[in-house]
Each structure stands twice: as structure tokens, then as C-alpha cells.
Amino acid sequence: MADFDDVMDVYARARAFMAANGNPTQWGDSSPEAQVVMSDMEKNGYVVVEDNQIIGAFYFEEDAYEPVYDSIDGAWPDDAPYAVIHRCAVRNSSKGVGQFILDWCFARYGNIRIDTHRNNVPMKNLLNKNGFEYCGKVQYNKDDGERVAYQKRIP
């Protein structure tokens, strides 16, 4: 919890970057909320540190169950156990952090599902570059909660 303010700063910078780059609605002005970040930090929240500075934050859960993934406008390639990555954020001046996060997660679990906003071009590019398969759309809520969903399984 000592890193809470730094993690919230990473998310604030990520929100500003997304808004400035055509994706103002995915996290709006306040998402992820402080309560969510605190819960992440207590359970499955992780940070990326370089030169003693937090440059990334994300949620990673192994053997996850994501209820919203039960209703997909599309299809998952399999029903095997999976891990999820959520709330992946990077300081906008840091390069290669998203790749580091994916590599770190795959070193721990070989079947990962992830979703993002349709306007989050940098994340969609990262997922495509890393061989994730587009599986369809999932809906989190009625207010622009549609997300594009991906999965990748390594043998």
C-alpha cells in the first residue's frame, strides 16, 4: 500500500494519454477508481519498476473466472482454464512496458484472456503483435462498456 499514490499517478497519466490519443471514454476521468486499485493491490495487482520508479501497473489473475466473458458476441477458441490481465497502464514516456507485462504474464500462465476498448489502438496493436486472437465483444455495462476481447494460448 506504500506504492498506492505512485500507482494512482500511473493510472492518471495513462488516462491522460488515452484521452489525448483518441480513447477518452475507456477510463474517463476517474477509472480505475481508488477502491478498485486498492483491491487489486491486496490481491493480484502488480507494478513494473525501473530505476526505483513505478512505470507500469496491471492486474493479473491466474485460474480466473471473468463472468462478463460468459456472454461474448463471438467465441472463445477454447474453454480451458485461463488467466486475465486487466487495468494495464504505462507511464506514457515509458517504452516496452506493455511487452514486458505480456511476457511476464505468459511466463506464469500459458492461456490468457484480455479485453480493451475498441479505441485503444496501442493496446490492440500490442495484442495483435503478440499473436492474440480477436474473439469478439463483451459488455461490461450500458454506458460504453463494450470491449473487444482477445485470447492467446501458448503450447
N, C-alpha and C. Protein backbone atom coordinates (compact mmCIF):
# COMPACT_ATOMS: atom_id res chain seq x y z
N MET A 1 0.82 -1.20 0.00
CA MET A 1 0.00 0.00 0.00
C MET A 1 0.87 1.27 0.00
N ALA A 2 2.13 1.10 0.32
CA ALA A 2 3.03 2.27 0.30
C ALA A 2 3.16 2.84 -1.11
N ASP A 3 2.89 2.04 -2.13
CA ASP A 3 3.00 2.48 -3.52
C ASP A 3 1.70 3.03 -4.08
N PHE A 4 0.66 3.10 -3.28
CA PHE A 4 -0.67 3.47 -3.78
C PHE A 4 -0.66 4.78 -4.57
N ASP A 5 -0.08 5.84 -4.02
CA ASP A 5 -0.09 7.14 -4.72
C ASP A 5 0.64 7.06 -6.05
N ASP A 6 1.76 6.34 -6.09
CA ASP A 6 2.50 6.19 -7.33
C ASP A 6 1.69 5.40 -8.37
N VAL A 7 1.01 4.37 -7.91
CA VAL A 7 0.18 3.58 -8.83
C VAL A 7 -0.97 4.43 -9.37
N MET A 8 -1.61 5.20 -8.50
CA MET A 8 -2.69 6.08 -8.96
C MET A 8 -2.17 7.11 -9.96
N ASP A 9 -0.93 7.56 -9.77
CA ASP A 9 -0.33 8.50 -10.72
C ASP A 9 -0.12 7.83 -12.09
N VAL A 10 0.31 6.58 -12.09
CA VAL A 10 0.47 5.85 -13.36
C VAL A 10 -0.88 5.80 -14.07
N TYR A 11 -1.95 5.47 -13.34
CA TYR A 11 -3.28 5.41 -13.96
C TYR A 11 -3.73 6.79 -14.45
N ALA A 12 -3.45 7.84 -13.71
CA ALA A 12 -3.82 9.19 -14.14
C ALA A 12 -3.10 9.56 -15.43
N ARG A 13 -1.83 9.23 -15.51
CA ARG A 13 -1.06 9.52 -16.72
C ARG A 13 -1.57 8.68 -17.91
N ALA A 14 -1.94 7.44 -17.63
CA ALA A 14 -2.48 6.58 -18.70
C ALA A 14 -3.82 7.12 -19.19
N ARG A 15 -4.67 7.60 -18.28
CA ARG A 15 -5.95 8.20 -18.70
C ARG A 15 -5.72 9.41 -19.59
N ALA A 16 -4.78 10.25 -19.21
CA ALA A 16 -4.47 11.45 -20.00
C ALA A 16 -3.94 11.06 -21.38
N PHE A 17 -3.06 10.06 -21.42
CA PHE A 17 -2.52 9.59 -22.69
C PHE A 17 -3.64 9.05 -23.57
N MET A 18 -4.52 8.22 -23.00
CA MET A 18 -5.62 7.65 -23.80
C MET A 18 -6.52 8.76 -24.33
N ALA A 19 -6.87 9.72 -23.48
CA ALA A 19 -7.75 10.81 -23.91
C ALA A 19 -7.11 11.62 -25.04
N ALA A 20 -5.82 11.84 -24.95
CA ALA A 20 -5.12 12.63 -25.97
C ALA A 20 -4.91 11.85 -27.26
N ASN A 21 -5.12 10.54 -27.22
CA ASN A 21 -4.86 9.70 -28.39
C ASN A 21 -6.10 8.96 -28.87
N GLY A 22 -7.26 9.61 -28.78
CA GLY A 22 -8.48 9.09 -29.38
C GLY A 22 -9.26 8.09 -28.56
N ASN A 23 -8.94 7.95 -27.28
CA ASN A 23 -9.64 6.98 -26.43
C ASN A 23 -10.03 7.64 -25.09
N PRO A 24 -10.89 8.66 -25.14
CA PRO A 24 -11.23 9.38 -23.91
C PRO A 24 -12.25 8.67 -23.02
N THR A 25 -12.94 7.65 -23.55
CA THR A 25 -14.04 7.08 -22.77
C THR A 25 -13.72 5.78 -22.06
N GLN A 26 -12.64 5.09 -22.41
CA GLN A 26 -12.37 3.80 -21.77
C GLN A 26 -12.28 3.93 -20.26
N TRP A 27 -11.51 4.89 -19.78
CA TRP A 27 -11.36 5.09 -18.34
C TRP A 27 -11.90 6.43 -17.89
N GLY A 28 -12.40 7.24 -18.83
CA GLY A 28 -12.98 8.53 -18.46
C GLY A 28 -12.02 9.37 -17.64
N ASP A 29 -12.59 10.03 -16.61
CA ASP A 29 -11.80 10.92 -15.77
C ASP A 29 -11.33 10.28 -14.47
N SER A 30 -11.83 9.07 -14.16
CA SER A 30 -11.54 8.55 -12.83
C SER A 30 -11.30 7.05 -12.73
N SER A 31 -11.41 6.34 -13.81
CA SER A 31 -11.25 4.89 -13.72
C SER A 31 -9.79 4.52 -13.96
N PRO A 32 -9.26 3.54 -13.31
CA PRO A 32 -9.90 2.75 -12.26
C PRO A 32 -9.98 3.54 -10.96
N GLU A 33 -11.08 3.36 -10.26
CA GLU A 33 -11.32 4.07 -9.01
C GLU A 33 -10.36 3.58 -7.93
N ALA A 34 -10.14 4.41 -6.94
CA ALA A 34 -9.21 4.11 -5.86
C ALA A 34 -9.54 2.79 -5.18
N GLN A 35 -10.82 2.51 -4.95
CA GLN A 35 -11.21 1.26 -4.30
C GLN A 35 -10.78 0.05 -5.11
N VAL A 36 -10.92 0.13 -6.43
CA VAL A 36 -10.54 -0.97 -7.31
C VAL A 36 -9.03 -1.18 -7.26
N VAL A 37 -8.29 -0.09 -7.31
CA VAL A 37 -6.83 -0.18 -7.26
C VAL A 37 -6.38 -0.76 -5.92
N MET A 38 -7.00 -0.33 -4.83
CA MET A 38 -6.66 -0.88 -3.52
C MET A 38 -6.93 -2.38 -3.47
N SER A 39 -8.08 -2.78 -4.00
CA SER A 39 -8.41 -4.21 -4.03
C SER A 39 -7.41 -4.97 -4.88
N ASP A 40 -7.05 -4.42 -6.04
CA ASP A 40 -6.02 -5.05 -6.88
C ASP A 40 -4.73 -5.24 -6.11
N MET A 41 -4.32 -4.20 -5.41
CA MET A 41 -3.04 -4.25 -4.70
C MET A 41 -3.05 -5.30 -3.59
N GLU A 42 -4.21 -5.54 -3.02
CA GLU A 42 -4.33 -6.54 -1.95
C GLU A 42 -4.35 -7.96 -2.51
N LYS A 43 -4.72 -8.12 -3.77
CA LYS A 43 -4.91 -9.46 -4.34
C LYS A 43 -3.92 -9.75 -5.46
N ASN A 44 -4.21 -9.23 -6.65
CA ASN A 44 -3.47 -9.60 -7.86
C ASN A 44 -2.96 -8.39 -8.63
N GLY A 45 -2.67 -7.31 -7.94
CA GLY A 45 -2.13 -6.13 -8.59
C GLY A 45 -0.61 -6.18 -8.61
N TYR A 46 -0.04 -5.73 -9.71
CA TYR A 46 1.41 -5.76 -9.88
C TYR A 46 1.88 -4.42 -10.43
N VAL A 47 3.14 -4.13 -10.18
CA VAL A 47 3.76 -2.93 -10.73
C VAL A 47 5.02 -3.31 -11.49
N VAL A 48 5.40 -2.46 -12.41
CA VAL A 48 6.66 -2.59 -13.14
C VAL A 48 7.54 -1.45 -12.64
N VAL A 49 8.73 -1.80 -12.21
CA VAL A 49 9.64 -0.82 -11.62
C VAL A 49 10.91 -0.75 -12.45
N GLU A 50 11.33 0.47 -12.72
CA GLU A 50 12.60 0.71 -13.41
C GLU A 50 13.29 1.87 -12.72
N ASP A 51 14.54 1.69 -12.36
CA ASP A 51 15.31 2.73 -11.66
C ASP A 51 14.55 3.25 -10.44
N ASN A 52 13.99 2.33 -9.68
CA ASN A 52 13.25 2.64 -8.44
C ASN A 52 12.01 3.50 -8.65
N GLN A 53 11.50 3.52 -9.88
CA GLN A 53 10.27 4.27 -10.17
C GLN A 53 9.24 3.32 -10.77
N ILE A 54 8.00 3.44 -10.31
CA ILE A 54 6.92 2.64 -10.87
C ILE A 54 6.56 3.21 -12.24
N ILE A 55 6.70 2.39 -13.28
CA ILE A 55 6.42 2.84 -14.64
C ILE A 55 5.25 2.11 -15.27
N GLY A 56 4.68 1.15 -14.54
CA GLY A 56 3.54 0.41 -15.06
C GLY A 56 2.78 -0.23 -13.92
N ALA A 57 1.50 -0.52 -14.18
CA ALA A 57 0.66 -1.19 -13.20
C ALA A 57 -0.34 -2.06 -13.97
N PHE A 58 -0.71 -3.19 -13.37
CA PHE A 58 -1.68 -4.07 -14.01
C PHE A 58 -2.22 -5.07 -13.01
N TYR A 59 -3.31 -5.69 -13.39
CA TYR A 59 -3.95 -6.74 -12.62
C TYR A 59 -3.78 -8.04 -13.39
N PHE A 60 -3.35 -9.08 -12.71
CA PHE A 60 -3.14 -10.38 -13.35
C PHE A 60 -3.64 -11.46 -12.41
N GLU A 61 -4.60 -12.24 -12.88
CA GLU A 61 -5.17 -13.31 -12.06
C GLU A 61 -5.08 -14.63 -12.82
N GLU A 62 -4.43 -15.59 -12.20
CA GLU A 62 -4.33 -16.94 -12.75
C GLU A 62 -5.57 -17.74 -12.38
N ASP A 63 -5.91 -18.73 -13.22
CA ASP A 63 -7.10 -19.56 -12.99
C ASP A 63 -8.30 -18.67 -12.68
N ALA A 64 -8.48 -17.68 -13.52
CA ALA A 64 -9.51 -16.67 -13.30
C ALA A 64 -10.87 -17.15 -13.80
N TYR A 65 -11.89 -16.50 -13.30
CA TYR A 65 -13.22 -16.63 -13.87
C TYR A 65 -13.76 -15.22 -14.02
N GLU A 66 -13.98 -14.81 -15.24
CA GLU A 66 -14.48 -13.47 -15.55
C GLU A 66 -15.93 -13.63 -16.02
N PRO A 67 -16.92 -13.35 -15.17
CA PRO A 67 -18.32 -13.59 -15.54
C PRO A 67 -18.75 -12.90 -16.84
N VAL A 68 -18.22 -11.70 -17.11
CA VAL A 68 -18.61 -11.00 -18.33
C VAL A 68 -18.19 -11.77 -19.58
N TYR A 69 -17.17 -12.62 -19.45
CA TYR A 69 -16.70 -13.40 -20.59
C TYR A 69 -17.65 -14.54 -20.95
N ASP A 70 -18.64 -14.82 -20.10
CA ASP A 70 -19.62 -15.86 -20.41
C ASP A 70 -20.51 -15.47 -21.59
N SER A 71 -20.74 -14.17 -21.75
CA SER A 71 -21.60 -13.68 -22.83
C SER A 71 -20.74 -12.89 -23.81
N ILE A 72 -20.27 -13.56 -24.82
CA ILE A 72 -19.42 -12.91 -25.82
C ILE A 72 -20.14 -12.92 -27.16
N ASP A 73 -20.10 -11.78 -27.83
CA ASP A 73 -20.60 -11.69 -29.20
C ASP A 73 -19.46 -12.16 -30.09
N GLY A 74 -19.34 -13.46 -30.21
CA GLY A 74 -18.22 -14.10 -30.88
C GLY A 74 -18.02 -15.45 -30.22
N ALA A 75 -16.77 -15.88 -30.13
CA ALA A 75 -16.50 -17.17 -29.50
C ALA A 75 -15.06 -17.23 -29.01
N TRP A 76 -14.87 -17.83 -27.85
CA TRP A 76 -13.53 -18.11 -27.36
C TRP A 76 -13.02 -19.36 -28.06
N PRO A 77 -11.73 -19.45 -28.30
CA PRO A 77 -11.21 -20.63 -29.02
C PRO A 77 -11.27 -21.91 -28.20
N ASP A 78 -11.36 -21.78 -26.88
CA ASP A 78 -11.44 -22.97 -26.03
C ASP A 78 -12.06 -22.61 -24.70
N ASP A 79 -12.36 -23.64 -23.92
CA ASP A 79 -12.92 -23.44 -22.57
C ASP A 79 -11.91 -23.81 -21.50
N ALA A 80 -10.66 -23.88 -21.85
CA ALA A 80 -9.61 -24.26 -20.91
C ALA A 80 -9.45 -23.17 -19.84
N PRO A 81 -8.94 -23.54 -18.68
CA PRO A 81 -8.66 -22.53 -17.65
C PRO A 81 -7.77 -21.43 -18.23
N TYR A 82 -7.98 -20.23 -17.75
CA TYR A 82 -7.26 -19.07 -18.28
C TYR A 82 -6.90 -18.10 -17.18
N ALA A 83 -5.98 -17.22 -17.51
CA ALA A 83 -5.63 -16.07 -16.67
C ALA A 83 -6.18 -14.83 -17.35
N VAL A 84 -6.35 -13.76 -16.59
CA VAL A 84 -6.80 -12.50 -17.16
C VAL A 84 -5.82 -11.39 -16.81
N ILE A 85 -5.72 -10.45 -17.73
CA ILE A 85 -4.99 -9.21 -17.48
C ILE A 85 -6.01 -8.09 -17.58
N HIS A 86 -6.03 -7.22 -16.59
CA HIS A 86 -6.91 -6.05 -16.58
C HIS A 86 -6.12 -4.83 -16.12
N ARG A 87 -6.66 -3.68 -16.42
CA ARG A 87 -6.15 -2.40 -15.92
C ARG A 87 -4.65 -2.23 -16.14
N CYS A 88 -4.23 -2.54 -17.33
CA CYS A 88 -2.83 -2.42 -17.72
C CYS A 88 -2.56 -0.94 -18.04
N ALA A 89 -1.64 -0.35 -17.32
CA ALA A 89 -1.33 1.08 -17.53
C ALA A 89 0.18 1.28 -17.53
N VAL A 90 0.59 2.22 -18.34
CA VAL A 90 2.01 2.51 -18.51
C VAL A 90 2.18 4.02 -18.49
N ARG A 91 3.24 4.47 -17.84
CA ARG A 91 3.56 5.91 -17.94
C ARG A 91 3.81 6.19 -19.42
N ASN A 92 3.23 7.25 -19.93
CA ASN A 92 3.27 7.48 -21.38
C ASN A 92 4.67 7.69 -21.92
N SER A 93 5.64 7.95 -21.08
CA SER A 93 7.01 8.14 -21.59
C SER A 93 7.81 6.84 -21.56
N SER A 94 7.24 5.78 -21.03
CA SER A 94 7.95 4.51 -20.91
C SER A 94 7.68 3.63 -22.11
N LYS A 95 8.72 3.08 -22.70
CA LYS A 95 8.59 2.22 -23.89
C LYS A 95 8.88 0.78 -23.51
N GLY A 96 8.14 -0.15 -24.13
CA GLY A 96 8.37 -1.56 -23.94
C GLY A 96 7.75 -2.17 -22.69
N VAL A 97 7.03 -1.36 -21.92
CA VAL A 97 6.46 -1.86 -20.68
C VAL A 97 5.30 -2.82 -20.95
N GLY A 98 4.47 -2.50 -21.92
CA GLY A 98 3.38 -3.40 -22.27
C GLY A 98 3.89 -4.76 -22.70
N GLN A 99 4.95 -4.78 -23.48
CA GLN A 99 5.56 -6.04 -23.90
C GLN A 99 6.12 -6.80 -22.70
N PHE A 100 6.77 -6.08 -21.80
CA PHE A 100 7.29 -6.70 -20.59
C PHE A 100 6.17 -7.36 -19.78
N ILE A 101 5.04 -6.65 -19.65
CA ILE A 101 3.90 -7.18 -18.89
C ILE A 101 3.39 -8.47 -19.52
N LEU A 102 3.19 -8.47 -20.84
CA LEU A 102 2.71 -9.69 -21.50
C LEU A 102 3.69 -10.83 -21.33
N ASP A 103 4.98 -10.56 -21.52
CA ASP A 103 6.00 -11.61 -21.37
C ASP A 103 6.00 -12.16 -19.94
N TRP A 104 5.91 -11.29 -18.96
CA TRP A 104 5.90 -11.70 -17.56
C TRP A 104 4.69 -12.59 -17.27
N CYS A 105 3.53 -12.18 -17.78
CA CYS A 105 2.30 -12.96 -17.54
C CYS A 105 2.38 -14.33 -18.22
N PHE A 106 2.86 -14.37 -19.45
CA PHE A 106 2.97 -15.66 -20.14
C PHE A 106 4.03 -16.57 -19.52
N ALA A 107 5.00 -16.03 -18.85
CA ALA A 107 5.97 -16.86 -18.15
C ALA A 107 5.33 -17.58 -16.97
N ARG A 108 4.15 -17.10 -16.55
CA ARG A 108 3.45 -17.68 -15.42
C ARG A 108 2.22 -18.49 -15.80
N TYR A 109 1.65 -18.20 -16.95
CA TYR A 109 0.41 -18.87 -17.35
C TYR A 109 0.31 -18.86 -18.87
N GLY A 110 -0.03 -19.98 -19.46
CA GLY A 110 0.02 -20.11 -20.91
C GLY A 110 -1.27 -19.85 -21.67
N ASN A 111 -2.34 -19.47 -20.99
CA ASN A 111 -3.61 -19.18 -21.66
C ASN A 111 -4.18 -17.92 -21.04
N ILE A 112 -4.19 -16.84 -21.81
CA ILE A 112 -4.57 -15.54 -21.27
C ILE A 112 -5.68 -14.91 -22.10
N ARG A 113 -6.66 -14.38 -21.38
CA ARG A 113 -7.73 -13.58 -21.99
C ARG A 113 -7.57 -12.14 -21.52
N ILE A 114 -7.91 -11.24 -22.42
CA ILE A 114 -7.80 -9.81 -22.13
C ILE A 114 -8.82 -9.09 -22.99
N ASP A 115 -9.28 -7.95 -22.51
CA ASP A 115 -10.17 -7.13 -23.33
C ASP A 115 -9.75 -5.68 -23.22
N THR A 116 -10.17 -4.90 -24.20
CA THR A 116 -9.85 -3.48 -24.20
C THR A 116 -10.92 -2.72 -24.97
N HIS A 117 -10.89 -1.44 -24.88
CA HIS A 117 -11.83 -0.58 -25.60
C HIS A 117 -11.50 -0.59 -27.09
N ARG A 118 -12.53 -0.49 -27.90
CA ARG A 118 -12.32 -0.50 -29.36
C ARG A 118 -11.41 0.63 -29.83
N ASN A 119 -11.33 1.73 -29.06
CA ASN A 119 -10.50 2.87 -29.44
C ASN A 119 -9.10 2.82 -28.84
N ASN A 120 -8.77 1.76 -28.12
CA ASN A 120 -7.44 1.67 -27.51
C ASN A 120 -6.48 1.04 -28.53
N VAL A 121 -6.10 1.83 -29.49
CA VAL A 121 -5.26 1.36 -30.60
C VAL A 121 -3.90 0.84 -30.12
N PRO A 122 -3.21 1.52 -29.20
CA PRO A 122 -1.92 0.98 -28.76
C PRO A 122 -2.05 -0.43 -28.16
N MET A 123 -3.07 -0.66 -27.34
CA MET A 123 -3.23 -1.99 -26.75
C MET A 123 -3.63 -3.01 -27.81
N LYS A 124 -4.52 -2.65 -28.70
CA LYS A 124 -4.90 -3.59 -29.76
C LYS A 124 -3.69 -3.93 -30.63
N ASN A 125 -2.85 -2.96 -30.93
CA ASN A 125 -1.63 -3.22 -31.71
C ASN A 125 -0.69 -4.16 -30.96
N LEU A 126 -0.54 -3.95 -29.65
CA LEU A 126 0.32 -4.80 -28.84
C LEU A 126 -0.21 -6.24 -28.84
N LEU A 127 -1.51 -6.40 -28.68
CA LEU A 127 -2.10 -7.74 -28.66
C LEU A 127 -1.94 -8.42 -30.02
N ASN A 128 -2.20 -7.69 -31.09
CA ASN A 128 -2.03 -8.27 -32.43
C ASN A 128 -0.58 -8.65 -32.69
N LYS A 129 0.33 -7.79 -32.31
CA LYS A 129 1.77 -8.05 -32.49
C LYS A 129 2.20 -9.33 -31.75
N ASN A 130 1.53 -9.61 -30.64
CA ASN A 130 1.88 -10.75 -29.81
C ASN A 130 1.04 -11.99 -30.09
N GLY A 131 0.31 -11.99 -31.19
CA GLY A 131 -0.40 -13.19 -31.61
C GLY A 131 -1.70 -13.49 -30.88
N PHE A 132 -2.27 -12.50 -30.21
CA PHE A 132 -3.57 -12.71 -29.60
C PHE A 132 -4.63 -12.81 -30.69
N GLU A 133 -5.60 -13.67 -30.47
CA GLU A 133 -6.70 -13.86 -31.41
C GLU A 133 -7.89 -13.02 -30.98
N TYR A 134 -8.42 -12.22 -31.91
CA TYR A 134 -9.64 -11.48 -31.63
C TYR A 134 -10.79 -12.48 -31.53
N CYS A 135 -11.55 -12.42 -30.45
CA CYS A 135 -12.60 -13.41 -30.20
C CYS A 135 -14.00 -12.84 -30.28
N GLY A 136 -14.17 -11.54 -30.13
CA GLY A 136 -15.50 -10.93 -30.19
C GLY A 136 -15.60 -9.77 -29.22
N LYS A 137 -16.84 -9.45 -28.87
CA LYS A 137 -17.11 -8.31 -28.00
C LYS A 137 -17.80 -8.78 -26.72
N VAL A 138 -17.43 -8.13 -25.62
CA VAL A 138 -18.08 -8.36 -24.34
C VAL A 138 -18.63 -7.03 -23.84
N GLN A 139 -19.61 -7.09 -22.97
CA GLN A 139 -20.27 -5.88 -22.49
C GLN A 139 -20.18 -5.80 -20.97
N TYR A 140 -19.54 -4.75 -20.46
CA TYR A 140 -19.42 -4.57 -19.02
C TYR A 140 -20.59 -3.82 -18.41
N ASN A 141 -21.07 -2.79 -19.10
CA ASN A 141 -22.23 -2.05 -18.62
C ASN A 141 -22.88 -1.36 -19.80
N LYS A 142 -23.92 -0.60 -19.53
CA LYS A 142 -24.66 0.03 -20.64
C LYS A 142 -24.00 1.30 -21.15
N ASP A 143 -23.11 1.91 -20.38
CA ASP A 143 -22.51 3.18 -20.76
C ASP A 143 -21.14 2.98 -21.38
N ASP A 144 -21.13 2.69 -22.68
CA ASP A 144 -19.89 2.50 -23.43
C ASP A 144 -19.02 1.40 -22.82
N GLY A 145 -19.66 0.36 -22.30
CA GLY A 145 -18.93 -0.72 -21.68
C GLY A 145 -18.54 -1.84 -22.61
N GLU A 146 -18.78 -1.65 -23.92
CA GLU A 146 -18.40 -2.69 -24.87
C GLU A 146 -16.88 -2.74 -24.99
N ARG A 147 -16.36 -3.96 -24.94
CA ARG A 147 -14.93 -4.17 -25.07
C ARG A 147 -14.65 -5.24 -26.11
N VAL A 148 -13.55 -5.11 -26.80
CA VAL A 148 -13.10 -6.13 -27.73
C VAL A 148 -12.24 -7.11 -26.95
N ALA A 149 -12.50 -8.40 -27.17
CA ALA A 149 -11.88 -9.43 -26.34
C ALA A 149 -10.92 -10.29 -27.16
N TYR A 150 -9.83 -10.68 -26.51
CA TYR A 150 -8.78 -11.45 -27.16
C TYR A 150 -8.34 -12.60 -26.27
N GLN A 151 -7.76 -13.60 -26.89
CA GLN A 151 -7.17 -14.71 -26.15
C GLN A 151 -5.94 -15.20 -26.88
N LYS A 152 -4.98 -15.65 -26.09
CA LYS A 152 -3.80 -16.31 -26.64
C LYS A 152 -3.45 -17.48 -25.75
N ARG A 153 -3.17 -18.58 -26.39
CA ARG A 153 -2.74 -19.78 -25.67
C ARG A 153 -1.43 -20.24 -26.28
N ILE A 154 -0.44 -20.45 -25.42
CA ILE A 154 0.83 -20.97 -25.91
C ILE A 154 0.93 -22.43 -25.48
N PRO A 155 1.49 -23.25 -26.35
CA PRO A 155 1.57 -24.69 -26.04
C PRO A 155 2.54 -24.99 -24.92
